[in-house]
Protein backbone atom coordinates (compact mmCIF):
# COMPACT_ATOMS: atom_id res chain seq x y z
CA THR A 1 -6.62 8.45 -22.29
CA PHE A 2 -7.46 10.42 -19.18
CA HIS A 3 -6.83 14.14 -18.78
CA THR A 4 -8.50 17.08 -17.05
CA GLY A 5 -10.59 17.76 -20.18
CA ASN A 6 -12.41 14.43 -20.01
CA THR A 7 -11.91 13.71 -16.29
CA PRO A 8 -12.17 16.98 -14.29
CA ALA A 9 -11.46 15.14 -11.02
CA LEU A 10 -7.84 14.82 -12.20
CA ALA A 11 -7.28 18.60 -12.05
CA ASN A 12 -4.50 19.40 -9.56
CA VAL A 13 -3.67 15.71 -9.15
CA TYR A 14 -0.07 14.60 -9.45
CA ASP A 15 2.36 11.89 -8.41
CA PHE A 16 0.52 8.74 -9.40
CA ALA A 17 2.55 6.07 -7.66
CA ASP A 18 1.08 2.64 -8.45
CA VAL A 19 -1.71 0.79 -10.27
CA ALA A 20 -3.54 -2.40 -9.25
CA ILE A 21 -5.77 -4.26 -11.69
CA ASN A 22 -8.61 -6.28 -10.21
CA PRO A 23 -7.69 -9.93 -10.87
CA ASN A 24 -11.37 -10.77 -11.44
CA ASN A 25 -12.09 -7.91 -13.85
CA LYS A 26 -9.32 -6.47 -16.03
CA ASN A 27 -11.43 -3.36 -16.72
CA ASP A 28 -11.53 -2.50 -13.01
CA TYR A 29 -8.42 -0.89 -11.54
CA TYR A 30 -7.17 1.42 -8.81
CA VAL A 31 -4.50 4.09 -9.06
CA GLY A 32 -2.74 5.41 -5.96
CA SER A 33 -1.46 8.98 -5.81
CA PHE A 34 1.25 10.17 -3.46
CA HIS A 35 -0.82 13.26 -2.63
CA SER A 36 -4.36 12.98 -3.91
CA GLY A 37 -5.79 9.67 -2.72
CA LEU A 38 -6.98 6.53 -4.42
CA PHE A 39 -8.69 6.60 -7.83
CA HIS A 40 -11.05 3.79 -8.85
CA PHE A 41 -11.63 3.31 -12.58
CA ASN A 42 -13.92 0.86 -14.36
CA GLN A 43 -14.59 0.53 -18.10
CA GLU A 44 -12.43 3.62 -18.78
CA GLU A 45 -14.56 5.75 -16.42
CA LEU A 46 -13.56 7.27 -13.10
CA VAL A 47 -15.86 5.63 -10.55
CA GLN A 48 -14.69 7.20 -7.30
CA VAL A 49 -11.88 9.08 -5.64
CA PHE A 50 -11.11 7.99 -2.07
CA HIS A 51 -9.57 10.66 0.17
CA HIS A 52 -9.70 11.83 3.77
CA GLU A 53 -13.34 12.95 3.56
CA ASN A 54 -14.84 9.64 2.38
CA SER A 55 -12.34 7.05 3.59
CA PRO A 56 -9.79 6.53 6.36
CA LEU A 57 -6.93 7.37 3.99
CA ASN A 58 -4.75 10.18 5.32
CA SER A 59 -1.14 10.85 6.17
CA LYS A 60 0.52 13.07 8.76
CA ASP A 61 -1.77 15.76 10.01
CA THR A 62 -2.93 16.75 6.54
CA SER A 63 -5.73 15.76 4.25
CA ASP A 64 -3.24 14.26 1.81
CA ALA A 65 -2.96 10.50 1.44
CA TYR A 66 0.61 9.60 0.55
CA ILE A 67 -0.15 6.32 -1.20
CA ALA A 68 3.02 4.47 -2.16
CA GLY A 69 1.58 1.17 -3.36
CA VAL A 70 -1.59 -0.73 -4.18
CA THR A 71 -2.03 -4.45 -4.83
CA PHE A 72 -4.75 -7.09 -4.67
CA ASP A 73 -4.60 -10.27 -2.63
CA ALA A 74 -6.01 -13.65 -3.70
CA ALA A 75 -9.44 -12.77 -2.22
CA SER A 76 -9.66 -9.49 -4.22
CA ASN A 77 -9.00 -7.24 -1.24
CA LEU A 78 -7.04 -4.11 -2.18
CA TRP A 79 -3.99 -3.52 0.03
CA ILE A 80 -2.59 0.01 0.19
CA SER A 81 0.70 1.20 1.66
CA LEU A 82 0.59 4.74 3.10
CA SER A 83 3.64 6.83 3.92
CA TYR A 84 3.69 9.04 7.02
CA ALA A 85 0.51 7.48 8.41
CA ALA A 86 -0.52 6.24 11.84
CA SER A 87 -1.77 3.13 10.04
CA PRO A 88 0.64 2.53 7.14
CA ILE A 89 -1.49 -0.26 5.69
CA ALA A 90 -5.07 0.22 4.56
CA VAL A 91 -7.26 -2.50 3.11
CA LEU A 92 -10.29 -1.85 0.94
CA LYS A 93 -11.99 -5.18 1.49
CA ASN A 94 -13.91 -6.92 -1.27
CA ASP A 95 -17.16 -6.06 0.54
CA GLY A 96 -16.38 -2.33 0.25
CA SER A 97 -15.47 -1.80 3.90
CA TRP A 98 -12.11 -0.52 5.15
CA GLN A 99 -9.58 -1.95 7.60
CA MET A 100 -6.65 0.12 8.82
CA ILE A 101 -3.59 -1.73 10.10
CA SER A 102 -1.09 -0.12 12.41
CA LEU A 103 2.26 -1.84 12.48
CA GLY A 104 2.95 -0.78 16.06
CA THR A 105 6.54 0.15 16.74
CA THR A 106 7.85 -1.43 13.53
CA ILE A 107 6.85 1.71 11.62
CA PRO A 108 6.56 4.74 13.92
CA SER A 109 3.44 6.70 13.04
CA TYR A 110 3.80 9.79 10.89
CA ASN A 111 7.58 9.44 10.65
CA THR A 112 8.26 6.82 8.02
CA ALA A 113 8.05 6.72 4.27
CA VAL A 114 7.00 3.35 2.90
CA ASP A 115 7.10 1.97 -0.62
CA ARG A 116 5.08 -0.49 -2.71
CA ILE A 117 3.57 -3.35 -0.77
CA LEU A 118 4.19 -6.93 -1.92
CA ILE A 119 1.94 -9.86 -1.06
CA ASP A 120 3.87 -13.10 -1.35
CA SER A 121 2.61 -16.60 -2.13
CA ARG A 122 1.99 -17.25 1.60
CA GLY A 123 -0.11 -14.10 1.88
CA TRP A 124 2.52 -12.21 3.87
CA LYS A 125 2.70 -8.48 3.24
CA TRP A 126 6.17 -6.96 2.70
CA VAL A 127 6.53 -3.19 3.15
CA PRO A 128 9.88 -1.56 2.35
CA CYS A 129 10.83 1.52 4.35
CA PRO A 130 13.28 3.05 1.87
CA ARG A 131 14.88 5.73 4.00
CA ALA A 132 14.90 3.71 7.22
CA GLY A 133 16.94 0.86 5.72
CA LYS A 134 14.44 -1.74 6.86
CA LEU A 135 11.70 -4.02 5.67
CA VAL A 136 8.51 -4.74 7.61
CA VAL A 137 6.64 -8.02 7.15
CA LEU A 138 3.02 -8.54 8.20
CA ASP A 139 1.41 -11.96 8.57
CA ASP A 140 -2.29 -11.30 9.14
CA ASN A 141 -3.10 -15.03 9.27
CA HIS A 142 -5.61 -14.44 6.44
CA THR A 143 -7.91 -12.66 8.90
CA ILE A 144 -7.89 -9.01 7.88
CA SER A 145 -10.37 -7.86 10.51
CA THR A 146 -8.87 -9.83 13.40
CA LEU A 147 -5.84 -7.75 14.28
CA SER A 148 -5.07 -9.68 17.48
CA ASP A 149 -3.67 -12.64 15.54
CA ASP A 150 -1.36 -10.54 13.36
CA ARG A 151 2.41 -10.99 13.50
CA THR A 152 4.87 -8.34 12.35
CA PHE A 153 8.58 -8.60 11.78
CA SER A 154 11.01 -5.80 11.14
CA VAL A 155 14.26 -6.53 9.37
CA ASN A 156 16.96 -3.91 9.74
CA MET A 157 18.98 -4.50 6.62
CA ASN A 158 22.23 -3.28 8.19
CA ALA A 159 22.00 -5.25 11.43
CA ASN A 160 19.85 -8.31 10.69
CA ALA A 161 20.57 -9.00 7.05
CA ASN A 162 24.24 -7.99 7.17
CA ILE A 163 23.80 -5.75 4.15
CA GLU A 164 25.36 -2.31 4.23
CA THR A 165 22.67 -0.01 2.92
CA SER A 166 20.72 3.03 3.92
CA ARG A 167 17.81 2.26 1.57
CA VAL A 168 15.42 -0.54 0.73
CA ASN A 169 13.84 0.32 -2.61
CA CYS A 170 11.88 -2.76 -3.60
CA VAL A 171 11.02 -6.35 -2.76
CA VAL A 172 9.88 -9.11 -5.13
CA GLU A 173 9.17 -12.83 -4.94
CA ASP A 174 10.60 -15.19 -7.55
CA LYS A 175 8.88 -18.29 -8.96
CA THR A 176 10.42 -20.51 -6.26
CA GLY A 177 9.08 -18.37 -3.40
CA GLN A 178 12.39 -16.69 -2.60
CA ILE A 179 12.18 -13.03 -1.61
CA TRP A 180 14.60 -10.62 -3.28
CA ILE A 181 15.37 -7.21 -1.82
CA GLY A 182 16.73 -4.31 -3.85
């Protein structure tokens, strides 16, 4: 159990949003906070806190990092969805380096809240924009650092999917590869 008594770095931290367990080491995991950055734990010990001073994680014009979701891909890269950020997707690559991904006009910088990122069986990244009523899909062609070959799609749920909604709250993939939107 973690608390400020045994982990002082957790003082004044709130709004933990998501957890990703390293698929190659069940004792290694990352916790995203909607205000306080990314927390890396291993063997029940806090290893590092990533924030605006030691990583590219930040949102709006503040030092906060509004992390909405964290998940690993098949190559053990950690994908992070950031609300209100110029680059709403951050990747902590398995070599320890960072890659920031701007989604161009599909998610206007600093103006859009995003939710938990899903990586489907093809490797596509699905990012719900709950309050915008849309879903953004990124196909990075399995080349994280080569942004020029990326493709992005934006699905306006009201116009394109013919679903009357003002919110997209979640997205999941079933065992047959079908994507479900809630």
